[in-house]
Amino acid sequence: QVQLVESGGGLVQAGGSLRLSCRASGRTFNSYTYDMGWFRQAPGKERDFVATITRSRGNTYYADSVKGRFTISRDHVKNTVYLQMNSLQPEDTAVYYCAADASDRGSHWEYWGKGTLVTVAS
């Protein structure tokens, strides 16, 4: 029903920056009804929460590991969520996934993108 497509990944040197984008589409998609989140999965590791932005007020939350370096934002008109990543380090290397949550209680990330690879070279 809802499709999420990430873009913006690539190879960057340590200390550099990247901006990831995730565009949502769907016949009945209403951006204001979805919390949006970013997750990442490094090789051989579990998928971890990175950041989320709420559906209406736009409140943001971050994993401690990225706080102060990453910024999540969204554009409801464009149905797009962004992740600005600064001061990237090799430990940030991972496949980054976008997810959408329409639940009204708790978290239920029912839609996921296929991911975009971020590689940070030392």
C-alpha atoms as a PDB file:
ATOM      1  CA  GLN A   1       0.000   0.000   0.000  1.00  0.00           C
ATOM      2  CA  VAL A   2       2.772   2.410   0.954  1.00  0.00           C
ATOM      3  CA  GLN A   3       6.099   2.382  -0.804  1.00  0.00           C
ATOM      4  CA  LEU A   4       9.218   3.957   0.634  1.00  0.00           C
ATOM      5  CA  VAL A   5      12.266   4.664  -1.474  1.00  0.00           C
ATOM      6  CA  GLU A   6      15.522   5.816   0.070  1.00  0.00           C
ATOM      7  CA  SER A   7      18.240   7.681  -1.738  1.00  0.00           C
ATOM      8  CA  GLY A   8      21.406   9.591  -0.997  1.00  0.00           C
ATOM      9  CA  GLY A   9      23.677   6.851   0.259  1.00  0.00           C
ATOM     10  CA  GLY A  10      27.211   6.463  -0.936  1.00  0.00           C
ATOM     11  CA  LEU A  11      30.853   6.586   0.002  1.00  0.00           C
ATOM     12  CA  VAL A  12      32.079   9.429   2.167  1.00  0.00           C
ATOM     13  CA  GLN A  13      35.288  10.170   4.028  1.00  0.00           C
ATOM     14  CA  ALA A  14      35.364  10.287   7.804  1.00  0.00           C
ATOM     15  CA  GLY A  15      34.223  13.672   9.009  1.00  0.00           C
ATOM     16  CA  GLY A  16      32.101  14.216   5.945  1.00  0.00           C
ATOM     17  CA  SER A  17      28.373  14.581   5.494  1.00  0.00           C
ATOM     18  CA  LEU A  18      25.544  12.943   3.622  1.00  0.00           C
ATOM     19  CA  ARG A  19      21.862  13.694   3.326  1.00  0.00           C
ATOM     20  CA  LEU A  20      19.526  10.754   2.953  1.00  0.00           C
ATOM     21  CA  SER A  21      16.041  11.096   1.542  1.00  0.00           C
ATOM     22  CA  CYS A  22      13.033   8.827   1.780  1.00  0.00           C
ATOM     23  CA  ARG A  23      10.010   9.492  -0.365  1.00  0.00           C
ATOM     24  CA  ALA A  24       6.699   7.832   0.432  1.00  0.00           C
ATOM     25  CA  SER A  25       4.059   7.055  -2.122  1.00  0.00           C
ATOM     26  CA  GLY A  26       0.674   5.393  -2.167  1.00  0.00           C
ATOM     27  CA  ARG A  27      -2.815   6.028  -3.386  1.00  0.00           C
ATOM     28  CA  THR A  28      -4.146   7.035   0.026  1.00  0.00           C
ATOM     29  CA  PHE A  29      -0.939   8.063   1.726  1.00  0.00           C
ATOM     30  CA  ASN A  30      -1.400  10.992   4.074  1.00  0.00           C
ATOM     31  CA  SER A  31       1.920  12.175   5.410  1.00  0.00           C
ATOM     32  CA  TYR A  32       0.358  13.678   8.524  1.00  0.00           C
ATOM     33  CA  THR A  33      -0.840  10.267   9.711  1.00  0.00           C
ATOM     34  CA  TYR A  34       2.586   8.605   9.723  1.00  0.00           C
ATOM     35  CA  ASP A  35       5.479   8.777  12.067  1.00  0.00           C
ATOM     36  CA  MET A  36       8.664   8.327  10.071  1.00  0.00           C
ATOM     37  CA  GLY A  37      11.884   6.760  11.206  1.00  0.00           C
ATOM     38  CA  TRP A  38      15.388   5.879  10.171  1.00  0.00           C
ATOM     39  CA  PHE A  39      17.109   2.656  11.136  1.00  0.00           C
ATOM     40  CA  ARG A  40      20.442   1.195  10.211  1.00  0.00           C
ATOM     41  CA  GLN A  41      22.062  -2.188  10.044  1.00  0.00           C
ATOM     42  CA  ALA A  42      25.807  -2.636   9.983  1.00  0.00           C
ATOM     43  CA  PRO A  43      27.331  -5.814   8.552  1.00  0.00           C
ATOM     44  CA  GLY A  44      26.827  -8.699  10.944  1.00  0.00           C
ATOM     45  CA  LYS A  45      24.813  -6.620  13.407  1.00  0.00           C
ATOM     46  CA  GLU A  46      21.173  -6.144  14.315  1.00  0.00           C
ATOM     47  CA  ARG A  47      19.070  -3.361  12.907  1.00  0.00           C
ATOM     48  CA  ASP A  48      19.174  -0.352  15.219  1.00  0.00           C
ATOM     49  CA  PHE A  49      17.008   2.685  15.681  1.00  0.00           C
ATOM     50  CA  VAL A  50      18.556   5.937  14.474  1.00  0.00           C
ATOM     51  CA  ALA A  51      15.927   8.679  14.563  1.00  0.00           C
ATOM     52  CA  THR A  52      12.224   9.331  14.280  1.00  0.00           C
ATOM     53  CA  ILE A  53       9.991  12.298  13.606  1.00  0.00           C
ATOM     54  CA  THR A  54       6.353  12.327  14.600  1.00  0.00           C
ATOM     55  CA  ARG A  55       3.462  12.709  12.238  1.00  0.00           C
ATOM     56  CA  SER A  56       1.999  16.076  13.146  1.00  0.00           C
ATOM     57  CA  ARG A  57       4.010  18.039  15.656  1.00  0.00           C
ATOM     58  CA  GLY A  58       7.284  16.940  14.150  1.00  0.00           C
ATOM     59  CA  ASN A  59       8.879  15.967  17.441  1.00  0.00           C
ATOM     60  CA  THR A  60      12.226  14.284  16.928  1.00  0.00           C
ATOM     61  CA  TYR A  61      14.058  11.561  18.790  1.00  0.00           C
ATOM     62  CA  TYR A  62      17.550  10.219  18.284  1.00  0.00           C
ATOM     63  CA  ALA A  63      19.707   7.329  19.285  1.00  0.00           C
ATOM     64  CA  ASP A  64      22.469   8.400  21.637  1.00  0.00           C
ATOM     65  CA  SER A  65      25.049   7.310  19.106  1.00  0.00           C
ATOM     66  CA  VAL A  66      23.952   9.930  16.575  1.00  0.00           C
ATOM     67  CA  LYS A  67      22.632  12.712  18.777  1.00  0.00           C
ATOM     68  CA  GLY A  68      24.250  16.007  17.911  1.00  0.00           C
ATOM     69  CA  ARG A  69      25.454  14.747  14.539  1.00  0.00           C
ATOM     70  CA  PHE A  70      22.302  13.651  12.714  1.00  0.00           C
ATOM     71  CA  THR A  71      19.142  15.619  12.076  1.00  0.00           C
ATOM     72  CA  ILE A  72      15.847  14.174  10.918  1.00  0.00           C
ATOM     73  CA  SER A  73      13.310  16.362   9.150  1.00  0.00           C
ATOM     74  CA  ARG A  74      10.334  15.993   6.867  1.00  0.00           C
ATOM     75  CA  ASP A  75       8.417  17.743   4.132  1.00  0.00           C
ATOM     76  CA  HIS A  76       4.762  16.773   4.206  1.00  0.00           C
ATOM     77  CA  VAL A  77       4.050  18.324   0.824  1.00  0.00           C
ATOM     78  CA  LYS A  78       6.758  16.222  -0.800  1.00  0.00           C
ATOM     79  CA  ASN A  79       5.972  13.134   1.313  1.00  0.00           C
ATOM     80  CA  THR A  80       9.651  12.992   2.097  1.00  0.00           C
ATOM     81  CA  VAL A  81      11.716  12.508   5.221  1.00  0.00           C
ATOM     82  CA  TYR A  82      15.390  13.406   5.410  1.00  0.00           C
ATOM     83  CA  LEU A  83      18.348  12.418   7.499  1.00  0.00           C
ATOM     84  CA  GLN A  84      21.183  14.903   7.523  1.00  0.00           C
ATOM     85  CA  MET A  85      24.304  13.121   8.703  1.00  0.00           C
ATOM     86  CA  ASN A  86      27.315  15.158   9.739  1.00  0.00           C
ATOM     87  CA  SER A  87      30.679  14.245  11.234  1.00  0.00           C
ATOM     88  CA  LEU A  88      30.362  10.749   9.861  1.00  0.00           C
ATOM     89  CA  GLN A  89      32.625   8.076  11.264  1.00  0.00           C
ATOM     90  CA  PRO A  90      33.435   4.547  10.100  1.00  0.00           C
ATOM     91  CA  GLU A  91      31.112   3.231  12.814  1.00  0.00           C
ATOM     92  CA  ASP A  92      28.223   4.826  10.922  1.00  0.00           C
ATOM     93  CA  THR A  93      28.756   2.492   7.990  1.00  0.00           C
ATOM     94  CA  ALA A  94      25.522   0.598   7.477  1.00  0.00           C
ATOM     95  CA  VAL A  95      22.513   0.112   5.304  1.00  0.00           C
ATOM     96  CA  TYR A  96      20.071   2.839   6.274  1.00  0.00           C
ATOM     97  CA  TYR A  97      16.368   2.052   6.159  1.00  0.00           C
ATOM     98  CA  CYS A  98      13.368   4.334   6.156  1.00  0.00           C
ATOM     99  CA  ALA A  99      10.188   3.204   7.909  1.00  0.00           C
ATOM    100  CA  ALA A 100       6.639   4.447   8.406  1.00  0.00           C
ATOM    101  CA  ASP A 101       4.313   3.945  11.353  1.00  0.00           C
ATOM    102  CA  ALA A 102       0.583   4.707  11.245  1.00  0.00           C
ATOM    103  CA  SER A 103      -0.315   3.170  14.594  1.00  0.00           C
ATOM    104  CA  ASP A 104      -2.148   5.256  17.167  1.00  0.00           C
ATOM    105  CA  ARG A 105      -0.682   3.379  20.113  1.00  0.00           C
ATOM    106  CA  GLY A 106       2.863   2.248  20.523  1.00  0.00           C
ATOM    107  CA  SER A 107       5.174   1.693  17.584  1.00  0.00           C
ATOM    108  CA  HIS A 108       4.430  -0.451  14.590  1.00  0.00           C
ATOM    109  CA  TRP A 109       6.797   0.110  11.700  1.00  0.00           C
ATOM    110  CA  GLU A 110       4.682  -1.553   9.071  1.00  0.00           C
ATOM    111  CA  TYR A 111       6.336  -0.104   5.970  1.00  0.00           C
ATOM    112  CA  TRP A 112      10.003  -0.228   5.090  1.00  0.00           C
ATOM    113  CA  GLY A 113      12.195   0.846   2.259  1.00  0.00           C
ATOM    114  CA  LYS A 114      14.825  -1.406   0.748  1.00  0.00           C
ATOM    115  CA  GLY A 115      17.657   0.605   2.243  1.00  0.00           C
ATOM    116  CA  THR A 116      20.528   2.692   1.009  1.00  0.00           C
ATOM    117  CA  LEU A 117      24.153   1.920   1.784  1.00  0.00           C
ATOM    118  CA  VAL A 118      26.323   4.436   3.574  1.00  0.00           C
ATOM    119  CA  THR A 119      30.022   3.686   3.674  1.00  0.00           C
ATOM    120  CA  VAL A 120      32.348   5.882   5.696  1.00  0.00           C
ATOM    121  CA  ALA A 121      36.015   5.480   4.906  1.00  0.00           C
ATOM    122  CA  SER A 122      38.653   6.171   7.539  1.00  0.00           C
END
